[in-house]
PDB file of N, CA and C in Angstrom:
ATOM      1  N   MET A   1     100.252  94.625 104.434  1.00  0.00           N
ATOM      2  CA  MET A   1     101.521  95.300 104.610  1.00  0.00           C
ATOM      3  C   MET A   1     101.577  96.576 103.755  1.00  0.00           C
ATOM      4  N   GLU A   2     101.064  96.463 102.530  1.00  0.00           N
ATOM      5  CA  GLU A   2     101.091  97.596 101.609  1.00  0.00           C
ATOM      6  C   GLU A   2     100.285  98.782 102.149  1.00  0.00           C
ATOM      7  N   ASN A   3      99.062  98.529 102.588  1.00  0.00           N
ATOM      8  CA  ASN A   3      98.237  99.612 103.137  1.00  0.00           C
ATOM      9  C   ASN A   3      98.865 100.207 104.381  1.00  0.00           C
ATOM     10  N   GLY A   4      99.503  99.381 105.180  1.00  0.00           N
ATOM     11  CA  GLY A   4     100.198  99.881 106.359  1.00  0.00           C
ATOM     12  C   GLY A   4     101.305 100.850 105.984  1.00  0.00           C
ATOM     13  N   LEU A   5     102.063 100.503 104.928  1.00  0.00           N
ATOM     14  CA  LEU A   5     103.135 101.382 104.463  1.00  0.00           C
ATOM     15  C   LEU A   5     102.567 102.706 103.957  1.00  0.00           C
ATOM     16  N   TYR A   6     101.510 102.641 103.160  1.00  0.00           N
ATOM     17  CA  TYR A   6     100.928 103.869 102.604  1.00  0.00           C
ATOM     18  C   TYR A   6     100.352 104.752 103.702  1.00  0.00           C
ATOM     19  N   ASN A   7      99.690 104.145 104.692  1.00  0.00           N
ATOM     20  CA  ASN A   7      99.174 104.926 105.822  1.00  0.00           C
ATOM     21  C   ASN A   7     100.315 105.553 106.618  1.00  0.00           C
ATOM     22  N   PHE A   8     101.378 104.774 106.808  1.00  0.00           N
ATOM     23  CA  PHE A   8     102.532 105.301 107.531  1.00  0.00           C
ATOM     24  C   PHE A   8     103.112 106.498 106.778  1.00  0.00           C
ATOM     25  N   LEU A   9     103.306 106.354 105.457  1.00  0.00           N
ATOM     26  CA  LEU A   9     103.869 107.445 104.659  1.00  0.00           C
ATOM     27  C   LEU A   9     102.972 108.677 104.703  1.00  0.00           C
ATOM     28  N   TRP A  10     101.657 108.474 104.594  1.00  0.00           N
ATOM     29  CA  TRP A  10     100.711 109.596 104.637  1.00  0.00           C
ATOM     30  C   TRP A  10     100.866 110.369 105.951  1.00  0.00           C
ATOM     31  N   ASN A  11     100.870 109.618 107.051  1.00  0.00           N
ATOM     32  CA  ASN A  11     101.003 110.248 108.372  1.00  0.00           C
ATOM     33  C   ASN A  11     102.356 110.917 108.553  1.00  0.00           C
ATOM     34  N   LYS A  12     103.402 110.316 108.018  1.00  0.00           N
ATOM     35  CA  LYS A  12     104.744 110.896 108.134  1.00  0.00           C
ATOM     36  C   LYS A  12     104.847 112.185 107.323  1.00  0.00           C
ATOM     37  N   VAL A  13     104.266 112.200 106.135  1.00  0.00           N
ATOM     38  CA  VAL A  13     104.257 113.431 105.329  1.00  0.00           C
ATOM     39  C   VAL A  13     103.592 114.548 106.127  1.00  0.00           C
ATOM     40  N   GLU A  14     102.458 114.238 106.753  1.00  0.00           N
ATOM     41  CA  GLU A  14     101.780 115.240 107.573  1.00  0.00           C
ATOM     42  C   GLU A  14     102.640 115.661 108.758  1.00  0.00           C
ATOM     43  N   ALA A  15     103.304 114.709 109.394  1.00  0.00           N
ATOM     44  CA  ALA A  15     104.163 115.020 110.543  1.00  0.00           C
ATOM     45  C   ALA A  15     105.333 115.914 110.145  1.00  0.00           C
ATOM     46  N   LEU A  16     105.722 115.844 108.883  1.00  0.00           N
ATOM     47  CA  LEU A  16     106.812 116.676 108.371  1.00  0.00           C
ATOM     48  C   LEU A  16     106.291 118.015 107.834  1.00  0.00           C
ATOM     49  N   ASN A  17     105.049 118.321 108.180  1.00  0.00           N
ATOM     50  CA  ASN A  17     104.409 119.592 107.819  1.00  0.00           C
ATOM     51  C   ASN A  17     104.267 119.803 106.321  1.00  0.00           C
ATOM     52  N   GLN A  18     103.996 118.714 105.614  1.00  0.00           N
ATOM     53  CA  GLN A  18     103.698 118.772 104.187  1.00  0.00           C
ATOM     54  C   GLN A  18     102.261 118.279 104.017  1.00  0.00           C
ATOM     55  N   ILE A  19     101.720 118.401 102.822  1.00  0.00           N
ATOM     56  CA  ILE A  19     100.335 118.000 102.576  1.00  0.00           C
ATOM     57  C   ILE A  19     100.312 116.822 101.599  1.00  0.00           C
ATOM     58  N   PRO A  20      99.976 115.621 102.082  1.00  0.00           N
ATOM     59  CA  PRO A  20      99.899 114.470 101.175  1.00  0.00           C
ATOM     60  C   PRO A  20      98.647 114.571 100.304  1.00  0.00           C
ATOM     61  N   LEU A  21      98.806 114.235  99.019  1.00  0.00           N
ATOM     62  CA  LEU A  21      97.689 114.286  98.078  1.00  0.00           C
ATOM     63  C   LEU A  21      97.329 112.908  97.531  1.00  0.00           C
ATOM     64  N   ALA A  22      98.331 112.060  97.332  1.00  0.00           N
ATOM     65  CA  ALA A  22      98.079 110.696  96.831  1.00  0.00           C
ATOM     66  C   ALA A  22      99.305 109.838  97.100  1.00  0.00           C
ATOM     67  N   ILE A  23      99.059 108.594  97.511  1.00  0.00           N
ATOM     68  CA  ILE A  23     100.141 107.621  97.715  1.00  0.00           C
ATOM     69  C   ILE A  23      99.626 106.275  97.242  1.00  0.00           C
ATOM     70  N   ASN A  24     100.405 105.625  96.401  1.00  0.00           N
ATOM     71  CA  ASN A  24     100.070 104.290  95.921  1.00  0.00           C
ATOM     72  C   ASN A  24     101.318 103.715  95.272  1.00  0.00           C
ATOM     73  N   GLY A  25     101.303 102.442  94.988  1.00  0.00           N
ATOM     74  CA  GLY A  25     102.491 101.867  94.380  1.00  0.00           C
ATOM     75  C   GLY A  25     102.277 100.483  93.830  1.00  0.00           C
ATOM     76  N   MET A  26     103.380  99.924  93.460  1.00  0.00           N
ATOM     77  CA  MET A  26     103.488  98.566  92.952  1.00  0.00           C
ATOM     78  C   MET A  26     104.521  97.863  93.831  1.00  0.00           C
ATOM     79  N   PRO A  27     104.717  96.564  93.650  1.00  0.00           N
ATOM     80  CA  PRO A  27     105.692  95.868  94.502  1.00  0.00           C
ATOM     81  C   PRO A  27     107.108  96.453  94.426  1.00  0.00           C
ATOM     82  N   ASP A  28     107.442  97.107  93.311  1.00  0.00           N
ATOM     83  CA  ASP A  28     108.812  97.601  93.162  1.00  0.00           C
ATOM     84  C   ASP A  28     108.962  99.117  93.226  1.00  0.00           C
ATOM     85  N   HIS A  29     107.879  99.855  93.448  1.00  0.00           N
ATOM     86  CA  HIS A  29     108.007 101.308  93.569  1.00  0.00           C
ATOM     87  C   HIS A  29     106.752 101.923  94.183  1.00  0.00           C
ATOM     88  N   VAL A  30     106.929 103.132  94.713  1.00  0.00           N
ATOM     89  CA  VAL A  30     105.840 103.869  95.333  1.00  0.00           C
ATOM     90  C   VAL A  30     105.849 105.286  94.779  1.00  0.00           C
ATOM     91  N   HIS A  31     104.655 105.793  94.522  1.00  0.00           N
ATOM     92  CA  HIS A  31     104.496 107.191  94.121  1.00  0.00           C
ATOM     93  C   HIS A  31     103.871 107.953  95.280  1.00  0.00           C
ATOM     94  N   VAL A  32     104.443 109.100  95.602  1.00  0.00           N
ATOM     95  CA  VAL A  32     103.909 109.977  96.641  1.00  0.00           C
ATOM     96  C   VAL A  32     103.746 111.358  96.012  1.00  0.00           C
ATOM     97  N   LEU A  33     102.519 111.828  95.966  1.00  0.00           N
ATOM     98  CA  LEU A  33     102.244 113.181  95.488  1.00  0.00           C
ATOM     99  C   LEU A  33     101.929 114.020  96.710  1.00  0.00           C
ATOM    100  N   LEU A  34     102.660 115.105  96.879  1.00  0.00           N
ATOM    101  CA  LEU A  34     102.444 115.952  98.041  1.00  0.00           C
ATOM    102  C   LEU A  34     102.653 117.403  97.686  1.00  0.00           C
ATOM    103  N   LYS A  35     102.049 118.240  98.485  1.00  0.00           N
ATOM    104  CA  LYS A  35     102.278 119.675  98.366  1.00  0.00           C
ATOM    105  C   LYS A  35     103.341 120.017  99.392  1.00  0.00           C
ATOM    106  N   MET A  36     104.465 120.489  98.895  1.00  0.00           N
ATOM    107  CA  MET A  36     105.626 120.718  99.752  1.00  0.00           C
ATOM    108  C   MET A  36     105.872 122.206  99.933  1.00  0.00           C
ATOM    109  N   ASN A  37     106.236 122.570 101.135  1.00  0.00           N
ATOM    110  CA  ASN A  37     106.627 123.933 101.419  1.00  0.00           C
ATOM    111  C   ASN A  37     107.887 124.243 100.612  1.00  0.00           C
ATOM    112  N   ALA A  38     107.868 125.308  99.849  1.00  0.00           N
ATOM    113  CA  ALA A  38     108.984 125.657  98.961  1.00  0.00           C
ATOM    114  C   ALA A  38     110.290 125.905  99.709  1.00  0.00           C
ATOM    115  N   LYS A  39     110.206 126.228 100.994  1.00  0.00           N
ATOM    116  CA  LYS A  39     111.414 126.493 101.781  1.00  0.00           C
ATOM    117  C   LYS A  39     112.089 125.213 102.263  1.00  0.00           C
ATOM    118  N   ASP A  40     111.396 124.077 102.164  1.00  0.00           N
ATOM    119  CA  ASP A  40     111.942 122.823 102.657  1.00  0.00           C
ATOM    120  C   ASP A  40     112.828 122.150 101.609  1.00  0.00           C
ATOM    121  N   ASN A  41     113.631 121.215 102.059  1.00  0.00           N
ATOM    122  CA  ASN A  41     114.608 120.523 101.224  1.00  0.00           C
ATOM    123  C   ASN A  41     114.071 119.149 100.825  1.00  0.00           C
ATOM    124  N   ILE A  42     113.939 118.911  99.516  1.00  0.00           N
ATOM    125  CA  ILE A  42     113.381 117.644  99.041  1.00  0.00           C
ATOM    126  C   ILE A  42     114.259 116.458  99.439  1.00  0.00           C
ATOM    127  N   ALA A  43     115.573 116.606  99.387  1.00  0.00           N
ATOM    128  CA  ALA A  43     116.466 115.496  99.747  1.00  0.00           C
ATOM    129  C   ALA A  43     116.272 115.101 101.209  1.00  0.00           C
ATOM    130  N   LYS A  44     116.139 116.086 102.084  1.00  0.00           N
ATOM    131  CA  LYS A  44     115.915 115.792 103.503  1.00  0.00           C
ATOM    132  C   LYS A  44     114.541 115.147 103.708  1.00  0.00           C
ATOM    133  N   LEU A  45     113.535 115.636 103.000  1.00  0.00           N
ATOM    134  CA  LEU A  45     112.201 115.066 103.111  1.00  0.00           C
ATOM    135  C   LEU A  45     112.199 113.602 102.695  1.00  0.00           C
ATOM    136  N   VAL A  46     112.823 113.302 101.564  1.00  0.00           N
ATOM    137  CA  VAL A  46     112.873 111.915 101.091  1.00  0.00           C
ATOM    138  C   VAL A  46     113.663 111.052 102.071  1.00  0.00           C
ATOM    139  N   LYS A  47     114.774 111.578 102.564  1.00  0.00           N
ATOM    140  CA  LYS A  47     115.571 110.828 103.547  1.00  0.00           C
ATOM    141  C   LYS A  47     114.726 110.500 104.775  1.00  0.00           C
ATOM    142  N   ASP A  48     113.964 111.482 105.264  1.00  0.00           N
ATOM    143  CA  ASP A  48     113.102 111.256 106.434  1.00  0.00           C
ATOM    144  C   ASP A  48     112.026 110.212 106.128  1.00  0.00           C
ATOM    145  N   LEU A  49     111.406 110.308 104.944  1.00  0.00           N
ATOM    146  CA  LEU A  49     110.358 109.350 104.575  1.00  0.00           C
ATOM    147  C   LEU A  49     110.916 107.942 104.423  1.00  0.00           C
ATOM    148  N   LYS A  50     112.026 107.819 103.700  1.00  0.00           N
ATOM    149  CA  LYS A  50     112.594 106.487 103.470  1.00  0.00           C
ATOM    150  C   LYS A  50     113.164 105.895 104.749  1.00  0.00           C
ATOM    151  N   GLY A  51     113.838 106.714 105.540  1.00  0.00           N
ATOM    152  CA  GLY A  51     114.451 106.213 106.772  1.00  0.00           C
ATOM    153  C   GLY A  51     113.421 105.733 107.778  1.00  0.00           C
ATOM    154  N   SER A  52     112.427 106.566 108.040  1.00  0.00           N
ATOM    155  CA  SER A  52     111.423 106.182 109.036  1.00  0.00           C
ATOM    156  C   SER A  52     110.555 105.031 108.541  1.00  0.00           C
ATOM    157  N   SER A  53     110.240 105.000 107.246  1.00  0.00           N
ATOM    158  CA  SER A  53     109.417 103.905 106.733  1.00  0.00           C
ATOM    159  C   SER A  53     110.206 102.600 106.667  1.00  0.00           C
ATOM    160  N   SER A  54     111.514 102.677 106.490  1.00  0.00           N
ATOM    161  CA  SER A  54     112.344 101.461 106.539  1.00  0.00           C
ATOM    162  C   SER A  54     112.274 100.825 107.917  1.00  0.00           C
ATOM    163  N   ILE A  55     112.371 101.649 108.939  1.00  0.00           N
ATOM    164  CA  ILE A  55     112.274 101.144 110.314  1.00  0.00           C
ATOM    165  C   ILE A  55     110.885 100.541 110.546  1.00  0.00           C
ATOM    166  N   PHE A  56     109.852 101.243 110.097  1.00  0.00           N
ATOM    167  CA  PHE A  56     108.482 100.753 110.224  1.00  0.00           C
ATOM    168  C   PHE A  56     108.325  99.410 109.522  1.00  0.00           C
ATOM    169  N   MET A  57     108.844  99.284 108.314  1.00  0.00           N
ATOM    170  CA  MET A  57     108.675  98.066 107.527  1.00  0.00           C
ATOM    171  C   MET A  57     109.524  96.908 108.062  1.00  0.00           C
ATOM    172  N   LYS A  58     110.644  97.189 108.683  1.00  0.00           N
ATOM    173  CA  LYS A  58     111.490  96.118 109.237  1.00  0.00           C
ATOM    174  C   LYS A  58     110.724  95.318 110.289  1.00  0.00           C
ATOM    175  N   ASP A  59     109.782  95.979 110.967  1.00  0.00           N
ATOM    176  CA  ASP A  59     108.961  95.273 111.947  1.00  0.00           C
ATOM    177  C   ASP A  59     107.989  94.301 111.279  1.00  0.00           C
ATOM    178  N   MET A  60     107.679  94.537 110.020  1.00  0.00           N
ATOM    179  CA  MET A  60     106.728  93.687 109.287  1.00  0.00           C
ATOM    180  C   MET A  60     107.431  92.642 108.418  1.00  0.00           C
ATOM    181  N   SER A  61     108.592  93.009 107.882  1.00  0.00           N
ATOM    182  CA  SER A  61     109.300  92.103 106.976  1.00  0.00           C
ATOM    183  C   SER A  61     110.788  92.414 107.018  1.00  0.00           C
ATOM    184  N   ASP A  62     111.582  91.424 107.294  1.00  0.00           N
ATOM    185  CA  ASP A  62     113.028  91.645 107.320  1.00  0.00           C
ATOM    186  C   ASP A  62     113.621  91.693 105.914  1.00  0.00           C
ATOM    187  N   GLN A  63     112.806  91.502 104.897  1.00  0.00           N
ATOM    188  CA  GLN A  63     113.292  91.527 103.515  1.00  0.00           C
ATOM    189  C   GLN A  63     113.052  92.869 102.830  1.00  0.00           C
ATOM    190  N   PHE A  64     112.368  93.805 103.497  1.00  0.00           N
ATOM    191  CA  PHE A  64     112.071  95.093 102.884  1.00  0.00           C
ATOM    192  C   PHE A  64     113.321  95.951 102.808  1.00  0.00           C
ATOM    193  N   LYS A  65     113.499  96.622 101.656  1.00  0.00           N
ATOM    194  CA  LYS A  65     114.625  97.535 101.489  1.00  0.00           C
ATOM    195  C   LYS A  65     114.297  98.528 100.379  1.00  0.00           C
ATOM    196  N   TRP A  66     114.455  99.815 100.651  1.00  0.00           N
ATOM    197  CA  TRP A  66     114.287 100.828  99.615  1.00  0.00           C
ATOM    198  C   TRP A  66     115.496 100.817  98.693  1.00  0.00           C
ATOM    199  N   SER A  67     115.313 101.229  97.462  1.00  0.00           N
ATOM    200  CA  SER A  67     116.454 101.408  96.558  1.00  0.00           C
ATOM    201  C   SER A  67     117.210 102.659  96.992  1.00  0.00           C
ATOM    202  N   ARG A  68     118.396 102.830  96.465  1.00  0.00           N
ATOM    203  CA  ARG A  68     119.230 103.967  96.854  1.00  0.00           C
ATOM    204  C   ARG A  68     118.653 105.301  96.393  1.00  0.00           C
ATOM    205  N   GLY A  69     118.159 105.366  95.191  1.00  0.00           N
ATOM    206  CA  GLY A  69     117.752 106.639  94.615  1.00  0.00           C
ATOM    207  C   GLY A  69     116.276 106.934  94.755  1.00  0.00           C
ATOM    208  N   TYR A  70     115.897 108.041  94.158  1.00  0.00           N
ATOM    209  CA  TYR A  70     114.498 108.446  94.105  1.00  0.00           C
ATOM    210  C   TYR A  70     114.347 109.440  92.961  1.00  0.00           C
ATOM    211  N   GLY A  71     113.130 109.641  92.548  1.00  0.00           N
ATOM    212  CA  GLY A  71     112.836 110.658  91.546  1.00  0.00           C
ATOM    213  C   GLY A  71     111.911 111.685  92.173  1.00  0.00           C
ATOM    214  N   ALA A  72     112.125 112.936  91.867  1.00  0.00           N
ATOM    215  CA  ALA A  72     111.268 114.005  92.378  1.00  0.00           C
ATOM    216  C   ALA A  72     111.115 115.052  91.285  1.00  0.00           C
ATOM    217  N   PHE A  73     109.898 115.518  91.126  1.00  0.00           N
ATOM    218  CA  PHE A  73     109.672 116.554  90.136  1.00  0.00           C
ATOM    219  C   PHE A  73     108.492 117.419  90.552  1.00  0.00           C
ATOM    220  N   THR A  74     108.445 118.618  90.027  1.00  0.00           N
ATOM    221  CA  THR A  74     107.337 119.520  90.317  1.00  0.00           C
ATOM    222  C   THR A  74     106.274 119.357  89.236  1.00  0.00           C
ATOM    223  N   VAL A  75     105.065 119.665  89.600  1.00  0.00           N
ATOM    224  CA  VAL A  75     103.963 119.617  88.643  1.00  0.00           C
ATOM    225  C   VAL A  75     103.166 120.911  88.756  1.00  0.00           C
ATOM    226  N   SER A  76     102.529 121.291  87.676  1.00  0.00           N
ATOM    227  CA  SER A  76     101.721 122.503  87.697  1.00  0.00           C
ATOM    228  C   SER A  76     100.400 122.230  88.417  1.00  0.00           C
ATOM    229  N   LYS A  77      99.801 123.280  88.933  1.00  0.00           N
ATOM    230  CA  LYS A  77      98.526 123.136  89.646  1.00  0.00           C
ATOM    231  C   LYS A  77      97.476 122.477  88.769  1.00  0.00           C
ATOM    232  N   LYS A  78      97.497 122.788  87.480  1.00  0.00           N
ATOM    233  CA  LYS A  78      96.474 122.243  86.585  1.00  0.00           C
ATOM    234  C   LYS A  78      96.607 120.734  86.396  1.00  0.00           C
ATOM    235  N   ASP A  79      97.772 120.169  86.681  1.00  0.00           N
ATOM    236  CA  ASP A  79      98.003 118.738  86.503  1.00  0.00           C
ATOM    237  C   ASP A  79      97.861 117.910  87.779  1.00  0.00           C
ATOM    238  N   VAL A  80      97.683 118.546  88.923  1.00  0.00           N
ATOM    239  CA  VAL A  80      97.651 117.840  90.206  1.00  0.00           C
ATOM    240  C   VAL A  80      96.539 116.789  90.242  1.00  0.00           C
ATOM    241  N   ASP A  81      95.326 117.155  89.853  1.00  0.00           N
ATOM    242  CA  ASP A  81      94.218 116.195  89.893  1.00  0.00           C
ATOM    243  C   ASP A  81      94.465 115.007  88.977  1.00  0.00           C
ATOM    244  N   MET A  82      94.977 115.263  87.779  1.00  0.00           N
ATOM    245  CA  MET A  82      95.262 114.188  86.828  1.00  0.00           C
ATOM    246  C   MET A  82      96.317 113.232  87.393  1.00  0.00           C
ATOM    247  N   ILE A  83      97.357 113.771  87.979  1.00  0.00           N
ATOM    248  CA  ILE A  83      98.427 112.945  88.529  1.00  0.00           C
ATOM    249  C   ILE A  83      97.941 112.192  89.765  1.00  0.00           C
ATOM    250  N   ALA A  84      97.163 112.852  90.610  1.00  0.00           N
ATOM    251  CA  ALA A  84      96.605 112.170  91.789  1.00  0.00           C
ATOM    252  C   ALA A  84      95.729 110.999  91.356  1.00  0.00           C
ATOM    253  N   ASN A  85      94.898 111.199  90.354  1.00  0.00           N
ATOM    254  CA  ASN A  85      94.050 110.109  89.860  1.00  0.00           C
ATOM    255  C   ASN A  85      94.873 108.988  89.257  1.00  0.00           C
ATOM    256  N   TYR A  86      95.937 109.333  88.542  1.00  0.00           N
ATOM    257  CA  TYR A  86      96.815 108.310  87.973  1.00  0.00           C
ATOM    258  C   TYR A  86      97.417 107.466  89.101  1.00  0.00           C
ATOM    259  N   ILE A  87      97.918 108.121  90.135  1.00  0.00           N
ATOM    260  CA  ILE A  87      98.534 107.411  91.254  1.00  0.00           C
ATOM    261  C   ILE A  87      97.498 106.526  91.957  1.00  0.00           C
ATOM    262  N   LYS A  88      96.317 107.045  92.198  1.00  0.00           N
ATOM    263  CA  LYS A  88      95.273 106.280  92.880  1.00  0.00           C
ATOM    264  C   LYS A  88      94.887 105.031  92.091  1.00  0.00           C
ATOM    265  N   ASN A  89      94.990 105.102  90.766  1.00  0.00           N
ATOM    266  CA  ASN A  89      94.613 103.982  89.900  1.00  0.00           C
ATOM    267  C   ASN A  89      95.828 103.275  89.311  1.00  0.00           C
ATOM    268  N   GLN A  90      96.965 103.398  89.953  1.00  0.00           N
ATOM    269  CA  GLN A  90      98.215 102.870  89.414  1.00  0.00           C
ATOM    270  C   GLN A  90      98.167 101.372  89.142  1.00  0.00           C
ATOM    271  N   LYS A  91      97.634 100.610  90.050  1.00  0.00           N
ATOM    272  CA  LYS A  91      97.582  99.153  89.852  1.00  0.00           C
ATOM    273  C   LYS A  91      96.764  98.800  88.621  1.00  0.00           C
ATOM    274  N   SER A  92      95.666  99.482  88.439  1.00  0.00           N
ATOM    275  CA  SER A  92      94.816  99.252  87.276  1.00  0.00           C
ATOM    276  C   SER A  92      95.575  99.571  85.992  1.00  0.00           C
ATOM    277  N   HIS A  93      96.320 100.657  85.981  1.00  0.00           N
ATOM    278  CA  HIS A  93      97.106 101.022  84.797  1.00  0.00           C
ATOM    279  C   HIS A  93      98.126  99.935  84.468  1.00  0.00           C
ATOM    280  N   HIS A  94      98.775  99.406  85.486  1.00  0.00           N
ATOM    281  CA  HIS A  94      99.765  98.355  85.256  1.00  0.00           C
ATOM    282  C   HIS A  94      99.098  97.076  84.758  1.00  0.00           C
ATOM    283  N   GLN A  95      97.953  96.728  85.321  1.00  0.00           N
ATOM    284  CA  GLN A  95      97.252  95.508  84.914  1.00  0.00           C
ATOM    285  C   GLN A  95      96.707  95.614  83.497  1.00  0.00           C
ATOM    286  N   LYS A  96      96.188  96.781  83.146  1.00  0.00           N
ATOM    287  CA  LYS A  96      95.571  96.967  81.833  1.00  0.00           C
ATOM    288  C   LYS A  96      96.576  97.351  80.745  1.00  0.00           C
ATOM    289  N   GLY A  97      97.813  97.632  81.147  1.00  0.00           N
ATOM    290  CA  GLY A  97      98.814  98.059  80.172  1.00  0.00           C
ATOM    291  C   GLY A  97      98.627  99.501  79.732  1.00  0.00           C
ATOM    292  N   THR A  98      97.978 100.312  80.573  1.00  0.00           N
ATOM    293  CA  THR A  98      97.759 101.724  80.238  1.00  0.00           C
ATOM    294  C   THR A  98      98.675 102.626  81.065  1.00  0.00           C
ATOM    295  N   VAL A  99      99.870 102.141  81.324  1.00  0.00           N
ATOM    296  CA  VAL A  99     100.843 102.895  82.114  1.00  0.00           C
ATOM    297  C   VAL A  99     101.281 104.121  81.322  1.00  0.00           C
ATOM    298  N   ASP A 100     101.371 105.262  81.989  1.00  0.00           N
ATOM    299  CA  ASP A 100     101.870 106.492  81.389  1.00  0.00           C
ATOM    300  C   ASP A 100     103.389 106.491  81.570  1.00  0.00           C
ATOM    301  N   ILE A 101     104.080 106.219  80.500  1.00  0.00           N
ATOM    302  CA  ILE A 101     105.551 106.090  80.556  1.00  0.00           C
ATOM    303  C   ILE A 101     106.196 107.365  81.114  1.00  0.00           C
ATOM    304  N   ASP A 102     105.687 108.528  80.727  1.00  0.00           N
ATOM    305  CA  ASP A 102     106.267 109.770  81.226  1.00  0.00           C
ATOM    306  C   ASP A 102     106.184 109.862  82.746  1.00  0.00           C
ATOM    307  N   LEU A 103     105.049 109.483  83.319  1.00  0.00           N
ATOM    308  CA  LEU A 103     104.912 109.523  84.777  1.00  0.00           C
ATOM    309  C   LEU A 103     105.734 108.439  85.446  1.00  0.00           C
ATOM    310  N   GLU A 104     105.774 107.266  84.884  1.00  0.00           N
ATOM    311  CA  GLU A 104     106.508 106.147  85.496  1.00  0.00           C
ATOM    312  C   GLU A 104     108.020 106.358  85.423  1.00  0.00           C
ATOM    313  N   GLU A 105     108.507 106.897  84.327  1.00  0.00           N
ATOM    314  CA  GLU A 105     109.953 107.055  84.184  1.00  0.00           C
ATOM    315  C   GLU A 105     110.492 108.195  85.029  1.00  0.00           C
ATOM    316  N   MET A 106     109.640 109.107  85.426  1.00  0.00           N
ATOM    317  CA  MET A 106     110.093 110.218  86.277  1.00  0.00           C
ATOM    318  C   MET A 106     110.284 109.777  87.707  1.00  0.00           C
ATOM    319  N   SER A 107     109.696 108.655  88.073  1.00  0.00           N
ATOM    320  CA  SER A 107     109.765 108.243  89.476  1.00  0.00           C
ATOM    321  C   SER A 107     110.973 107.398  89.743  1.00  0.00           C
TER     322      SER A 107
END
């Protein structure tokens, strides 16, 4: 179910004319790193991602529900690779206790 959600989100980001860079999560949250067109609206993008993925997930589990809020922040070009790697290895960070509080609290 988890991989299905991440694949769905990746494809939806592309369908919304943005560039997905990394998607991964834990049972209680998901991180999506993307390159967004500066002219687009982040609130609308998140609404589109959460709304369409909720419908997608309802077909898999009637217990799935996104939280009301979200966190969004910009990152410098020099930090993109570091953040993408952190997201890709998120489960390992949580298991090993090497979670980056600054990255986790921003989401």
